[in-house]
Amino acid sequence: MIDPKSIDLTEFLATWYGAPRQSAKSLPDSCHWLPKPLKEWHELTMRWDRRITYSTSMIPPERINIADDGKAIFMVDATGDWRWCIDPNDPDGVFDAELYEPWERNSEGLADFLVHHTVREVVCGAAARVRALSVADDKLAEILASLEEVAFGAWKWPAPGYRIFLGGTALAEIVKGGSGSGWDVEVVSPDVENLSRFEEISGVHWRT
């Protein structure tokens, strides 16, 4: 398995979005209290003048505030139904909850969480993709032959049980099929030509 800590986010983002166009800048002094991994994530992603997140929204760091419960929300999903927060008294922790539900500690520390988040957002926003439903186990093995699973922790959102695989300029997300049989598979790449090797696998009915 790929250790999330081994993924260099600067190189990863450059692979998927091209070289950064902005020079590195520090956050305002008002953000000094934020945990280091979160500050570094914002300082890094601000170097790209394009969209980085698709299924979630990151709260601008200068607008992250501590609520009465001592938590500070730093991310929400696209519908506002899920929220993620930090606790200044527990700087490595990440807490998440569906709207109106109590906070639960995420299985990942903040640094690994932010790598997980960045990689998964690429799955959502990549320029080229193919998708197949109810893929049989043997065909799934063919699809994943050139990829390696990333050892991300389990998230309840957006679909419990999904797994992510990485190999070169291809990313795959798999989850047990909603029909109860096989696997739902999505493979993405920065370039549609990189997907041809997956489309050539016989017996897999891809949708573009």
C-alpha atoms as a PDB file:
ATOM      1  CA  MET A   1       0.000   0.000   0.000  1.00  0.00           C
ATOM      2  CA  ILE A   2       1.024   3.595  -0.575  1.00  0.00           C
ATOM      3  CA  ASP A   3       1.595   5.524   2.637  1.00  0.00           C
ATOM      4  CA  PRO A   4      -0.274   8.871   2.383  1.00  0.00           C
ATOM      5  CA  LYS A   5       2.782  10.517   3.952  1.00  0.00           C
ATOM      6  CA  SER A   6       4.813   9.508   0.889  1.00  0.00           C
ATOM      7  CA  ILE A   7       2.611  11.575  -1.450  1.00  0.00           C
ATOM      8  CA  ASP A   8       4.258  14.921  -2.143  1.00  0.00           C
ATOM      9  CA  LEU A   9       1.303  17.259  -2.667  1.00  0.00           C
ATOM     10  CA  THR A  10       3.347  19.785  -4.673  1.00  0.00           C
ATOM     11  CA  GLU A  11       4.323  17.112  -7.196  1.00  0.00           C
ATOM     12  CA  PHE A  12       0.863  15.557  -7.111  1.00  0.00           C
ATOM     13  CA  LEU A  13      -0.925  18.830  -7.871  1.00  0.00           C
ATOM     14  CA  ALA A  14       1.569  19.671 -10.616  1.00  0.00           C
ATOM     15  CA  THR A  15       0.913  16.292 -12.264  1.00  0.00           C
ATOM     16  CA  TRP A  16      -2.827  16.874 -12.332  1.00  0.00           C
ATOM     17  CA  TYR A  17      -3.125  20.653 -12.691  1.00  0.00           C
ATOM     18  CA  GLY A  18       0.165  21.751 -14.226  1.00  0.00           C
ATOM     19  CA  ALA A  19       2.888  23.878 -12.677  1.00  0.00           C
ATOM     20  CA  PRO A  20       1.784  26.500 -10.133  1.00  0.00           C
ATOM     21  CA  ARG A  21       1.552  30.030 -11.479  1.00  0.00           C
ATOM     22  CA  GLN A  22       1.741  31.930  -8.209  1.00  0.00           C
ATOM     23  CA  SER A  23       4.704  32.284  -5.887  1.00  0.00           C
ATOM     24  CA  ALA A  24       4.380  31.000  -2.350  1.00  0.00           C
ATOM     25  CA  LYS A  25       2.852  33.439   0.147  1.00  0.00           C
ATOM     26  CA  SER A  26       2.289  33.231   3.876  1.00  0.00           C
ATOM     27  CA  LEU A  27      -1.175  33.463   5.377  1.00  0.00           C
ATOM     28  CA  PRO A  28      -2.199  36.611   7.274  1.00  0.00           C
ATOM     29  CA  ASP A  29      -1.041  36.900  10.890  1.00  0.00           C
ATOM     30  CA  SER A  30      -4.634  36.361  12.004  1.00  0.00           C
ATOM     31  CA  CYS A  31      -4.274  32.708  10.927  1.00  0.00           C
ATOM     32  CA  HIS A  32      -1.350  32.003  13.252  1.00  0.00           C
ATOM     33  CA  TRP A  33      -3.483  29.791  15.528  1.00  0.00           C
ATOM     34  CA  LEU A  34      -4.421  27.310  12.815  1.00  0.00           C
ATOM     35  CA  PRO A  35      -2.672  23.913  12.886  1.00  0.00           C
ATOM     36  CA  LYS A  36       0.473  23.803  10.748  1.00  0.00           C
ATOM     37  CA  PRO A  37      -0.795  21.200   8.222  1.00  0.00           C
ATOM     38  CA  LEU A  38      -3.892  23.281   7.468  1.00  0.00           C
ATOM     39  CA  LYS A  39      -1.882  26.467   7.031  1.00  0.00           C
ATOM     40  CA  GLU A  40       0.578  24.696   4.755  1.00  0.00           C
ATOM     41  CA  TRP A  41      -2.268  23.218   2.679  1.00  0.00           C
ATOM     42  CA  HIS A  42      -3.762  26.646   2.036  1.00  0.00           C
ATOM     43  CA  GLU A  43      -0.397  28.215   1.306  1.00  0.00           C
ATOM     44  CA  LEU A  44       0.331  25.460  -1.201  1.00  0.00           C
ATOM     45  CA  THR A  45      -3.002  25.340  -3.019  1.00  0.00           C
ATOM     46  CA  MET A  46      -3.153  29.144  -3.362  1.00  0.00           C
ATOM     47  CA  ARG A  47      -0.265  28.818  -5.816  1.00  0.00           C
ATOM     48  CA  TRP A  48      -2.655  27.370  -8.416  1.00  0.00           C
ATOM     49  CA  ASP A  49      -5.039  29.807 -10.071  1.00  0.00           C
ATOM     50  CA  ARG A  50      -7.621  27.137 -10.739  1.00  0.00           C
ATOM     51  CA  ARG A  51     -10.156  25.092  -8.887  1.00  0.00           C
ATOM     52  CA  ILE A  52      -8.725  22.466  -6.519  1.00  0.00           C
ATOM     53  CA  THR A  53     -11.882  21.239  -4.743  1.00  0.00           C
ATOM     54  CA  TYR A  54     -15.112  20.036  -6.350  1.00  0.00           C
ATOM     55  CA  SER A  55     -17.243  18.029  -3.945  1.00  0.00           C
ATOM     56  CA  THR A  56     -16.283  20.114  -0.912  1.00  0.00           C
ATOM     57  CA  SER A  57     -15.492  23.716  -0.050  1.00  0.00           C
ATOM     58  CA  MET A  58     -12.598  24.766   2.151  1.00  0.00           C
ATOM     59  CA  ILE A  59     -13.387  27.724   4.394  1.00  0.00           C
ATOM     60  CA  PRO A  60     -10.917  30.559   3.666  1.00  0.00           C
ATOM     61  CA  PRO A  61      -8.379  30.399   6.511  1.00  0.00           C
ATOM     62  CA  GLU A  62      -8.990  33.968   7.641  1.00  0.00           C
ATOM     63  CA  ARG A  63     -12.701  33.119   8.067  1.00  0.00           C
ATOM     64  CA  ILE A  64     -12.257  30.006  10.207  1.00  0.00           C
ATOM     65  CA  ASN A  65     -13.672  30.784  13.637  1.00  0.00           C
ATOM     66  CA  ILE A  66     -13.918  28.898  16.902  1.00  0.00           C
ATOM     67  CA  ALA A  67     -17.560  28.172  17.816  1.00  0.00           C
ATOM     68  CA  ASP A  68     -19.077  27.970  21.282  1.00  0.00           C
ATOM     69  CA  ASP A  69     -18.350  24.238  21.423  1.00  0.00           C
ATOM     70  CA  GLY A  70     -14.638  24.909  20.984  1.00  0.00           C
ATOM     71  CA  LYS A  71     -14.531  23.509  17.444  1.00  0.00           C
ATOM     72  CA  ALA A  72     -13.710  25.403  14.236  1.00  0.00           C
ATOM     73  CA  ILE A  73     -15.234  24.263  10.937  1.00  0.00           C
ATOM     74  CA  PHE A  74     -12.710  24.329   8.095  1.00  0.00           C
ATOM     75  CA  MET A  75     -14.530  22.358   5.370  1.00  0.00           C
ATOM     76  CA  VAL A  76     -18.088  21.578   4.234  1.00  0.00           C
ATOM     77  CA  ASP A  77     -19.453  19.369   1.479  1.00  0.00           C
ATOM     78  CA  ALA A  78     -21.131  20.789  -1.606  1.00  0.00           C
ATOM     79  CA  THR A  79     -24.634  20.513  -0.115  1.00  0.00           C
ATOM     80  CA  GLY A  80     -23.695  21.736   3.362  1.00  0.00           C
ATOM     81  CA  ASP A  81     -24.878  18.451   4.881  1.00  0.00           C
ATOM     82  CA  TRP A  82     -21.437  17.381   6.143  1.00  0.00           C
ATOM     83  CA  ARG A  83     -18.880  19.444   8.059  1.00  0.00           C
ATOM     84  CA  TRP A  84     -15.308  18.940   9.184  1.00  0.00           C
ATOM     85  CA  CYS A  85     -13.676  20.804  12.045  1.00  0.00           C
ATOM     86  CA  ILE A  86     -10.505  21.179  14.064  1.00  0.00           C
ATOM     87  CA  ASP A  87     -10.055  21.648  17.787  1.00  0.00           C
ATOM     88  CA  PRO A  88      -7.308  24.108  18.851  1.00  0.00           C
ATOM     89  CA  ASN A  89      -6.731  21.928  21.924  1.00  0.00           C
ATOM     90  CA  ASP A  90      -6.155  18.867  19.728  1.00  0.00           C
ATOM     91  CA  PRO A  91      -4.244  20.234  16.700  1.00  0.00           C
ATOM     92  CA  ASP A  92      -3.704  16.848  15.015  1.00  0.00           C
ATOM     93  CA  GLY A  93      -7.351  15.803  15.235  1.00  0.00           C
ATOM     94  CA  VAL A  94     -10.078  16.080  12.614  1.00  0.00           C
ATOM     95  CA  PHE A  95     -13.751  15.822  13.566  1.00  0.00           C
ATOM     96  CA  ASP A  96     -16.675  15.388  11.209  1.00  0.00           C
ATOM     97  CA  ALA A  97     -20.437  15.101  11.385  1.00  0.00           C
ATOM     98  CA  GLU A  98     -23.559  15.232   9.318  1.00  0.00           C
ATOM     99  CA  LEU A  99     -25.596  18.365   9.924  1.00  0.00           C
ATOM    100  CA  TYR A 100     -27.240  18.395  13.386  1.00  0.00           C
ATOM    101  CA  GLU A 101     -25.316  15.261  14.445  1.00  0.00           C
ATOM    102  CA  PRO A 102     -22.581  15.239  17.139  1.00  0.00           C
ATOM    103  CA  TRP A 103     -18.931  15.491  16.158  1.00  0.00           C
ATOM    104  CA  GLU A 104     -16.963  12.255  15.763  1.00  0.00           C
ATOM    105  CA  ARG A 105     -13.206  11.974  15.521  1.00  0.00           C
ATOM    106  CA  ASN A 106     -11.985  11.048  12.048  1.00  0.00           C
ATOM    107  CA  SER A 107      -9.717   8.013  11.739  1.00  0.00           C
ATOM    108  CA  GLU A 108      -6.963  10.149  10.175  1.00  0.00           C
ATOM    109  CA  GLY A 109      -4.762  12.835  11.646  1.00  0.00           C
ATOM    110  CA  LEU A 110      -4.950  16.262  10.017  1.00  0.00           C
ATOM    111  CA  ALA A 111      -1.900  15.889   7.744  1.00  0.00           C
ATOM    112  CA  ASP A 112      -3.054  12.552   6.289  1.00  0.00           C
ATOM    113  CA  PHE A 113      -6.630  13.828   6.093  1.00  0.00           C
ATOM    114  CA  LEU A 114      -5.563  16.745   3.896  1.00  0.00           C
ATOM    115  CA  VAL A 115      -3.653  14.429   1.558  1.00  0.00           C
ATOM    116  CA  HIS A 116      -6.723  12.167   1.366  1.00  0.00           C
ATOM    117  CA  HIS A 117      -8.954  15.145   0.691  1.00  0.00           C
ATOM    118  CA  THR A 118      -6.687  16.501  -2.063  1.00  0.00           C
ATOM    119  CA  VAL A 119      -6.397  13.159  -3.849  1.00  0.00           C
ATOM    120  CA  ARG A 120     -10.116  12.469  -3.706  1.00  0.00           C
ATOM    121  CA  GLU A 121     -10.980  15.885  -5.070  1.00  0.00           C
ATOM    122  CA  VAL A 122      -8.867  15.042  -8.122  1.00  0.00           C
ATOM    123  CA  VAL A 123     -11.083  11.981  -8.626  1.00  0.00           C
ATOM    124  CA  CYS A 124     -14.077  14.345  -8.645  1.00  0.00           C
ATOM    125  CA  GLY A 125     -12.581  16.994 -10.929  1.00  0.00           C
ATOM    126  CA  ALA A 126     -10.205  15.235 -13.333  1.00  0.00           C
ATOM    127  CA  ALA A 127     -10.361  16.196 -17.005  1.00  0.00           C
ATOM    128  CA  ALA A 128     -10.815  12.633 -18.264  1.00  0.00           C
ATOM    129  CA  ARG A 129     -12.718   9.734 -16.708  1.00  0.00           C
ATOM    130  CA  VAL A 130     -14.391   6.401 -17.368  1.00  0.00           C
ATOM    131  CA  ARG A 131     -16.860   4.631 -15.098  1.00  0.00           C
ATOM    132  CA  ALA A 132     -18.216   1.116 -14.915  1.00  0.00           C
ATOM    133  CA  LEU A 133     -20.850  -0.446 -12.671  1.00  0.00           C
ATOM    134  CA  SER A 134     -21.081  -3.943 -11.182  1.00  0.00           C
ATOM    135  CA  VAL A 135     -17.570  -4.937 -12.257  1.00  0.00           C
ATOM    136  CA  ALA A 136     -16.755  -8.576 -11.433  1.00  0.00           C
ATOM    137  CA  ASP A 137     -13.842  -9.389  -9.124  1.00  0.00           C
ATOM    138  CA  ASP A 138     -11.633 -10.803 -11.891  1.00  0.00           C
ATOM    139  CA  LYS A 139     -12.134  -7.746 -14.080  1.00  0.00           C
ATOM    140  CA  LEU A 140     -11.491  -5.467 -11.128  1.00  0.00           C
ATOM    141  CA  ALA A 141      -8.146  -7.207 -10.641  1.00  0.00           C
ATOM    142  CA  GLU A 142      -7.257  -6.423 -14.282  1.00  0.00           C
ATOM    143  CA  ILE A 143      -8.214  -2.773 -13.864  1.00  0.00           C
ATOM    144  CA  LEU A 144      -6.135  -2.393 -10.727  1.00  0.00           C
ATOM    145  CA  ALA A 145      -3.127  -4.413 -11.931  1.00  0.00           C
ATOM    146  CA  SER A 146      -1.004  -1.322 -12.617  1.00  0.00           C
ATOM    147  CA  LEU A 147      -2.255   0.634  -9.601  1.00  0.00           C
ATOM    148  CA  GLU A 148      -1.562   0.475  -5.875  1.00  0.00           C
ATOM    149  CA  GLU A 149      -4.002   1.188  -3.079  1.00  0.00           C
ATOM    150  CA  VAL A 150      -3.416   4.271  -0.965  1.00  0.00           C
ATOM    151  CA  ALA A 151      -3.690   3.484   2.749  1.00  0.00           C
ATOM    152  CA  PHE A 152      -6.272   6.130   3.517  1.00  0.00           C
ATOM    153  CA  GLY A 153      -8.438   5.866   6.605  1.00  0.00           C
ATOM    154  CA  ALA A 154     -12.137   5.088   6.298  1.00  0.00           C
ATOM    155  CA  TRP A 155     -14.532   8.021   5.832  1.00  0.00           C
ATOM    156  CA  LYS A 156     -18.300   7.884   6.357  1.00  0.00           C
ATOM    157  CA  TRP A 157     -18.710  10.492   3.619  1.00  0.00           C
ATOM    158  CA  PRO A 158     -19.472  10.333   0.726  1.00  0.00           C
ATOM    159  CA  ALA A 159     -19.837   6.544   0.459  1.00  0.00           C
ATOM    160  CA  PRO A 160     -18.614   4.299   3.274  1.00  0.00           C
ATOM    161  CA  GLY A 161     -16.185   1.648   2.098  1.00  0.00           C
ATOM    162  CA  TYR A 162     -14.716   3.360  -0.963  1.00  0.00           C
ATOM    163  CA  ARG A 163     -11.029   2.776  -1.731  1.00  0.00           C
ATOM    164  CA  ILE A 164      -8.547   4.755  -3.826  1.00  0.00           C
ATOM    165  CA  PHE A 165      -5.753   3.387  -6.023  1.00  0.00           C
ATOM    166  CA  LEU A 166      -2.929   5.367  -7.634  1.00  0.00           C
ATOM    167  CA  GLY A 167      -0.474   4.614 -10.409  1.00  0.00           C
ATOM    168  CA  GLY A 168       1.369   7.222 -12.459  1.00  0.00           C
ATOM    169  CA  THR A 169      -1.210   9.505 -14.029  1.00  0.00           C
ATOM    170  CA  ALA A 170      -4.205   7.338 -13.217  1.00  0.00           C
ATOM    171  CA  LEU A 171      -6.415   7.272 -10.152  1.00  0.00           C
ATOM    172  CA  ALA A 172      -9.172   4.777  -9.454  1.00  0.00           C
ATOM    173  CA  GLU A 173     -11.928   4.877  -6.867  1.00  0.00           C
ATOM    174  CA  ILE A 174     -13.845   1.681  -6.158  1.00  0.00           C
ATOM    175  CA  VAL A 175     -16.807   0.906  -3.953  1.00  0.00           C
ATOM    176  CA  LYS A 176     -19.062  -2.110  -3.581  1.00  0.00           C
ATOM    177  CA  GLY A 177     -21.828  -1.964  -6.175  1.00  0.00           C
ATOM    178  CA  GLY A 178     -25.121  -0.448  -5.100  1.00  0.00           C
ATOM    179  CA  SER A 179     -26.927  -3.390  -6.699  1.00  0.00           C
ATOM    180  CA  GLY A 180     -25.235  -5.695  -4.225  1.00  0.00           C
ATOM    181  CA  SER A 181     -23.007  -7.375  -6.788  1.00  0.00           C
ATOM    182  CA  GLY A 182     -19.616  -6.436  -8.177  1.00  0.00           C
ATOM    183  CA  TRP A 183     -17.834  -3.112  -7.870  1.00  0.00           C
ATOM    184  CA  ASP A 184     -18.554   0.392  -9.084  1.00  0.00           C
ATOM    185  CA  VAL A 185     -15.301   1.724 -10.535  1.00  0.00           C
ATOM    186  CA  GLU A 186     -14.226   5.159 -11.682  1.00  0.00           C
ATOM    187  CA  VAL A 187     -10.817   5.757 -13.275  1.00  0.00           C
ATOM    188  CA  VAL A 188      -9.549   9.279 -13.968  1.00  0.00           C
ATOM    189  CA  SER A 189      -6.515  10.864 -15.584  1.00  0.00           C
ATOM    190  CA  PRO A 190      -5.305  14.312 -16.668  1.00  0.00           C
ATOM    191  CA  ASP A 191      -5.329  13.069 -20.279  1.00  0.00           C
ATOM    192  CA  VAL A 192      -7.950  10.900 -21.963  1.00  0.00           C
ATOM    193  CA  GLU A 193      -5.231   8.959 -23.818  1.00  0.00           C
ATOM    194  CA  ASN A 194      -4.027   7.549 -20.508  1.00  0.00           C
ATOM    195  CA  LEU A 195      -7.363   5.762 -20.101  1.00  0.00           C
ATOM    196  CA  SER A 196      -7.106   3.681 -23.264  1.00  0.00           C
ATOM    197  CA  ARG A 197      -5.418   0.766 -21.458  1.00  0.00           C
ATOM    198  CA  PHE A 198      -8.424   0.504 -19.156  1.00  0.00           C
ATOM    199  CA  GLU A 199     -10.967   0.788 -21.961  1.00  0.00           C
ATOM    200  CA  GLU A 200      -9.240  -2.098 -23.753  1.00  0.00           C
ATOM    201  CA  ILE A 201     -10.044  -4.542 -20.931  1.00  0.00           C
ATOM    202  CA  SER A 202     -12.647  -6.884 -22.374  1.00  0.00           C
ATOM    203  CA  GLY A 203     -15.830  -7.518 -20.489  1.00  0.00           C
ATOM    204  CA  VAL A 204     -15.913  -4.124 -18.745  1.00  0.00           C
ATOM    205  CA  HIS A 205     -18.655  -1.806 -19.968  1.00  0.00           C
ATOM    206  CA  TRP A 206     -17.252   1.680 -19.480  1.00  0.00           C
ATOM    207  CA  ARG A 207     -19.250   4.878 -19.502  1.00  0.00           C
ATOM    208  CA  THR A 208     -17.504   8.151 -20.309  1.00  0.00           C
END
